[in-house]
Amino acid sequence: MLNESQWPQTISSAVDWIISTLDENQKQLIQETKADDLIMLHFGLGMFIRNELGLYRGNDALMRDCAKSEGIDEKSYFAYDADTASGVLSEAVWKRLNKLD
């Protein structure tokens, strides 16, 4: 588990780290997931993201970046939750693997 000083603070750096931890089979599974089925990653990849990147433990910078990417005023990001943020990050991983970003 990453410690607080290692937490990525932006979506881009989080995606870099997440992809670096995945094996080829995991990457292929994510890549082959249909856009409408990304919610199916919530309890696997999403849980890994929430736990490893400190979304439940105070990674405010990454939470703000996720909120900002969704058009939510970062001053009110506290209303943004870890589950939604992990969804943003899962989708960003999927887009990167599919070269859509």
C-alpha atoms as a PDB file:
ATOM      1  CA  MET A   1       0.000   0.000   0.000  1.00  0.00           C
ATOM      2  CA  LEU A   2       1.281   3.447  -0.895  1.00  0.00           C
ATOM      3  CA  ASN A   3       1.953   5.823   1.945  1.00  0.00           C
ATOM      4  CA  GLU A   4       0.697   9.382   1.917  1.00  0.00           C
ATOM      5  CA  SER A   5       3.916  10.844   0.495  1.00  0.00           C
ATOM      6  CA  GLN A   6       3.618   8.494  -2.522  1.00  0.00           C
ATOM      7  CA  TRP A   7       0.003   9.251  -3.424  1.00  0.00           C
ATOM      8  CA  PRO A   8      -0.428  10.645  -6.933  1.00  0.00           C
ATOM      9  CA  GLN A   9      -2.114  14.026  -6.897  1.00  0.00           C
ATOM     10  CA  THR A  10      -3.451  14.189 -10.448  1.00  0.00           C
ATOM     11  CA  ILE A  11      -5.520  11.890 -12.617  1.00  0.00           C
ATOM     12  CA  SER A  12      -2.672  11.570 -15.090  1.00  0.00           C
ATOM     13  CA  SER A  13      -0.109  10.538 -12.490  1.00  0.00           C
ATOM     14  CA  ALA A  14      -2.628   8.172 -10.878  1.00  0.00           C
ATOM     15  CA  VAL A  15      -3.299   6.514 -14.240  1.00  0.00           C
ATOM     16  CA  ASP A  16       0.451   6.158 -14.828  1.00  0.00           C
ATOM     17  CA  TRP A  17       0.836   4.413 -11.466  1.00  0.00           C
ATOM     18  CA  ILE A  18      -2.238   2.208 -11.834  1.00  0.00           C
ATOM     19  CA  ILE A  19      -1.199   0.970 -15.268  1.00  0.00           C
ATOM     20  CA  SER A  20       2.325   0.283 -14.010  1.00  0.00           C
ATOM     21  CA  THR A  21       0.877  -2.113 -11.402  1.00  0.00           C
ATOM     22  CA  LEU A  22      -1.296  -4.102 -13.821  1.00  0.00           C
ATOM     23  CA  ASP A  23      -0.166  -7.280 -15.510  1.00  0.00           C
ATOM     24  CA  GLU A  24      -0.880  -7.862 -19.204  1.00  0.00           C
ATOM     25  CA  ASN A  25      -3.997  -9.957 -18.541  1.00  0.00           C
ATOM     26  CA  GLN A  26      -5.483  -7.239 -16.331  1.00  0.00           C
ATOM     27  CA  LYS A  27      -4.717  -4.586 -18.923  1.00  0.00           C
ATOM     28  CA  GLN A  28      -6.364  -6.665 -21.638  1.00  0.00           C
ATOM     29  CA  LEU A  29      -9.459  -7.284 -19.502  1.00  0.00           C
ATOM     30  CA  ILE A  30      -9.856  -3.552 -18.829  1.00  0.00           C
ATOM     31  CA  GLN A  31      -9.126  -2.633 -22.430  1.00  0.00           C
ATOM     32  CA  GLU A  32     -11.738  -5.070 -23.735  1.00  0.00           C
ATOM     33  CA  THR A  33     -14.440  -3.825 -21.353  1.00  0.00           C
ATOM     34  CA  LYS A  34     -17.211  -1.975 -23.172  1.00  0.00           C
ATOM     35  CA  ALA A  35     -17.705   1.643 -22.148  1.00  0.00           C
ATOM     36  CA  ASP A  36     -21.220   0.874 -20.882  1.00  0.00           C
ATOM     37  CA  ASP A  37     -19.822  -1.912 -18.692  1.00  0.00           C
ATOM     38  CA  LEU A  38     -17.116   0.072 -16.874  1.00  0.00           C
ATOM     39  CA  ILE A  39     -19.233   0.018 -13.717  1.00  0.00           C
ATOM     40  CA  MET A  40     -18.378  -3.692 -13.545  1.00  0.00           C
ATOM     41  CA  LEU A  41     -14.835  -2.630 -12.543  1.00  0.00           C
ATOM     42  CA  HIS A  42     -16.113  -0.954  -9.354  1.00  0.00           C
ATOM     43  CA  PHE A  43     -15.384  -3.806  -6.934  1.00  0.00           C
ATOM     44  CA  GLY A  44     -12.108  -4.957  -8.497  1.00  0.00           C
ATOM     45  CA  LEU A  45     -10.109  -2.149 -10.052  1.00  0.00           C
ATOM     46  CA  GLY A  46     -12.187   0.498  -8.286  1.00  0.00           C
ATOM     47  CA  MET A  47     -11.590  -0.971  -4.834  1.00  0.00           C
ATOM     48  CA  PHE A  48      -7.872  -1.273  -5.570  1.00  0.00           C
ATOM     49  CA  ILE A  49      -7.808   2.399  -6.595  1.00  0.00           C
ATOM     50  CA  ARG A  50      -9.769   3.571  -3.550  1.00  0.00           C
ATOM     51  CA  ASN A  51      -7.566   1.657  -1.147  1.00  0.00           C
ATOM     52  CA  GLU A  52      -4.141   2.174  -2.729  1.00  0.00           C
ATOM     53  CA  LEU A  53      -4.464   5.836  -3.684  1.00  0.00           C
ATOM     54  CA  GLY A  54      -5.810   7.033  -0.357  1.00  0.00           C
ATOM     55  CA  LEU A  55      -9.253   8.085  -1.547  1.00  0.00           C
ATOM     56  CA  TYR A  56     -10.709   7.058   1.808  1.00  0.00           C
ATOM     57  CA  ARG A  57      -7.691   8.291   3.760  1.00  0.00           C
ATOM     58  CA  GLY A  58      -7.320  11.939   2.766  1.00  0.00           C
ATOM     59  CA  ASN A  59      -5.821  12.188  -0.723  1.00  0.00           C
ATOM     60  CA  ASP A  60      -7.528  15.547  -1.140  1.00  0.00           C
ATOM     61  CA  ALA A  61      -5.429  16.624  -4.124  1.00  0.00           C
ATOM     62  CA  LEU A  62      -6.481  13.630  -6.212  1.00  0.00           C
ATOM     63  CA  MET A  63     -10.098  13.953  -5.062  1.00  0.00           C
ATOM     64  CA  ARG A  64     -10.062  17.632  -6.141  1.00  0.00           C
ATOM     65  CA  ASP A  65      -8.596  16.741  -9.535  1.00  0.00           C
ATOM     66  CA  CYS A  66     -11.275  14.085 -10.075  1.00  0.00           C
ATOM     67  CA  ALA A  67     -14.015  16.523  -9.060  1.00  0.00           C
ATOM     68  CA  LYS A  68     -12.575  19.212 -11.320  1.00  0.00           C
ATOM     69  CA  SER A  69     -12.515  16.788 -14.263  1.00  0.00           C
ATOM     70  CA  GLU A  70     -16.244  16.254 -13.752  1.00  0.00           C
ATOM     71  CA  GLY A  71     -16.963  19.987 -13.681  1.00  0.00           C
ATOM     72  CA  ILE A  72     -17.484  20.130  -9.927  1.00  0.00           C
ATOM     73  CA  ASP A  73     -16.159  23.255  -8.256  1.00  0.00           C
ATOM     74  CA  GLU A  74     -13.101  22.085  -6.351  1.00  0.00           C
ATOM     75  CA  LYS A  75     -14.118  24.298  -3.429  1.00  0.00           C
ATOM     76  CA  SER A  76     -17.071  21.992  -2.957  1.00  0.00           C
ATOM     77  CA  TYR A  77     -15.143  18.798  -3.694  1.00  0.00           C
ATOM     78  CA  PHE A  78     -15.839  17.605  -0.156  1.00  0.00           C
ATOM     79  CA  ALA A  79     -19.234  16.570  -1.495  1.00  0.00           C
ATOM     80  CA  TYR A  80     -17.390  14.323  -3.946  1.00  0.00           C
ATOM     81  CA  ASP A  81     -17.001  10.746  -2.806  1.00  0.00           C
ATOM     82  CA  ALA A  82     -14.278   8.123  -3.147  1.00  0.00           C
ATOM     83  CA  ASP A  83     -16.523   5.777  -5.135  1.00  0.00           C
ATOM     84  CA  THR A  84     -17.184   8.383  -7.798  1.00  0.00           C
ATOM     85  CA  ALA A  85     -13.524   9.395  -7.894  1.00  0.00           C
ATOM     86  CA  SER A  86     -12.458   5.777  -8.410  1.00  0.00           C
ATOM     87  CA  GLY A  87     -14.932   5.612 -11.293  1.00  0.00           C
ATOM     88  CA  VAL A  88     -13.288   8.646 -12.880  1.00  0.00           C
ATOM     89  CA  LEU A  89      -9.893   6.992 -12.475  1.00  0.00           C
ATOM     90  CA  SER A  90     -11.082   3.613 -13.790  1.00  0.00           C
ATOM     91  CA  GLU A  91     -12.473   5.312 -16.878  1.00  0.00           C
ATOM     92  CA  ALA A  92      -9.233   7.254 -17.330  1.00  0.00           C
ATOM     93  CA  VAL A  93      -7.264   3.975 -17.169  1.00  0.00           C
ATOM     94  CA  TRP A  94      -9.639   2.437 -19.715  1.00  0.00           C
ATOM     95  CA  LYS A  95      -9.252   5.450 -22.027  1.00  0.00           C
ATOM     96  CA  ARG A  96      -5.459   5.361 -21.759  1.00  0.00           C
ATOM     97  CA  LEU A  97      -5.319   1.648 -22.510  1.00  0.00           C
ATOM     98  CA  ASN A  98      -7.597   2.184 -25.503  1.00  0.00           C
ATOM     99  CA  LYS A  99      -5.626   5.257 -26.602  1.00  0.00           C
ATOM    100  CA  LEU A 100      -8.716   7.471 -26.298  1.00  0.00           C
ATOM    101  CA  ASP A 101      -7.131  10.216 -24.200  1.00  0.00           C
END
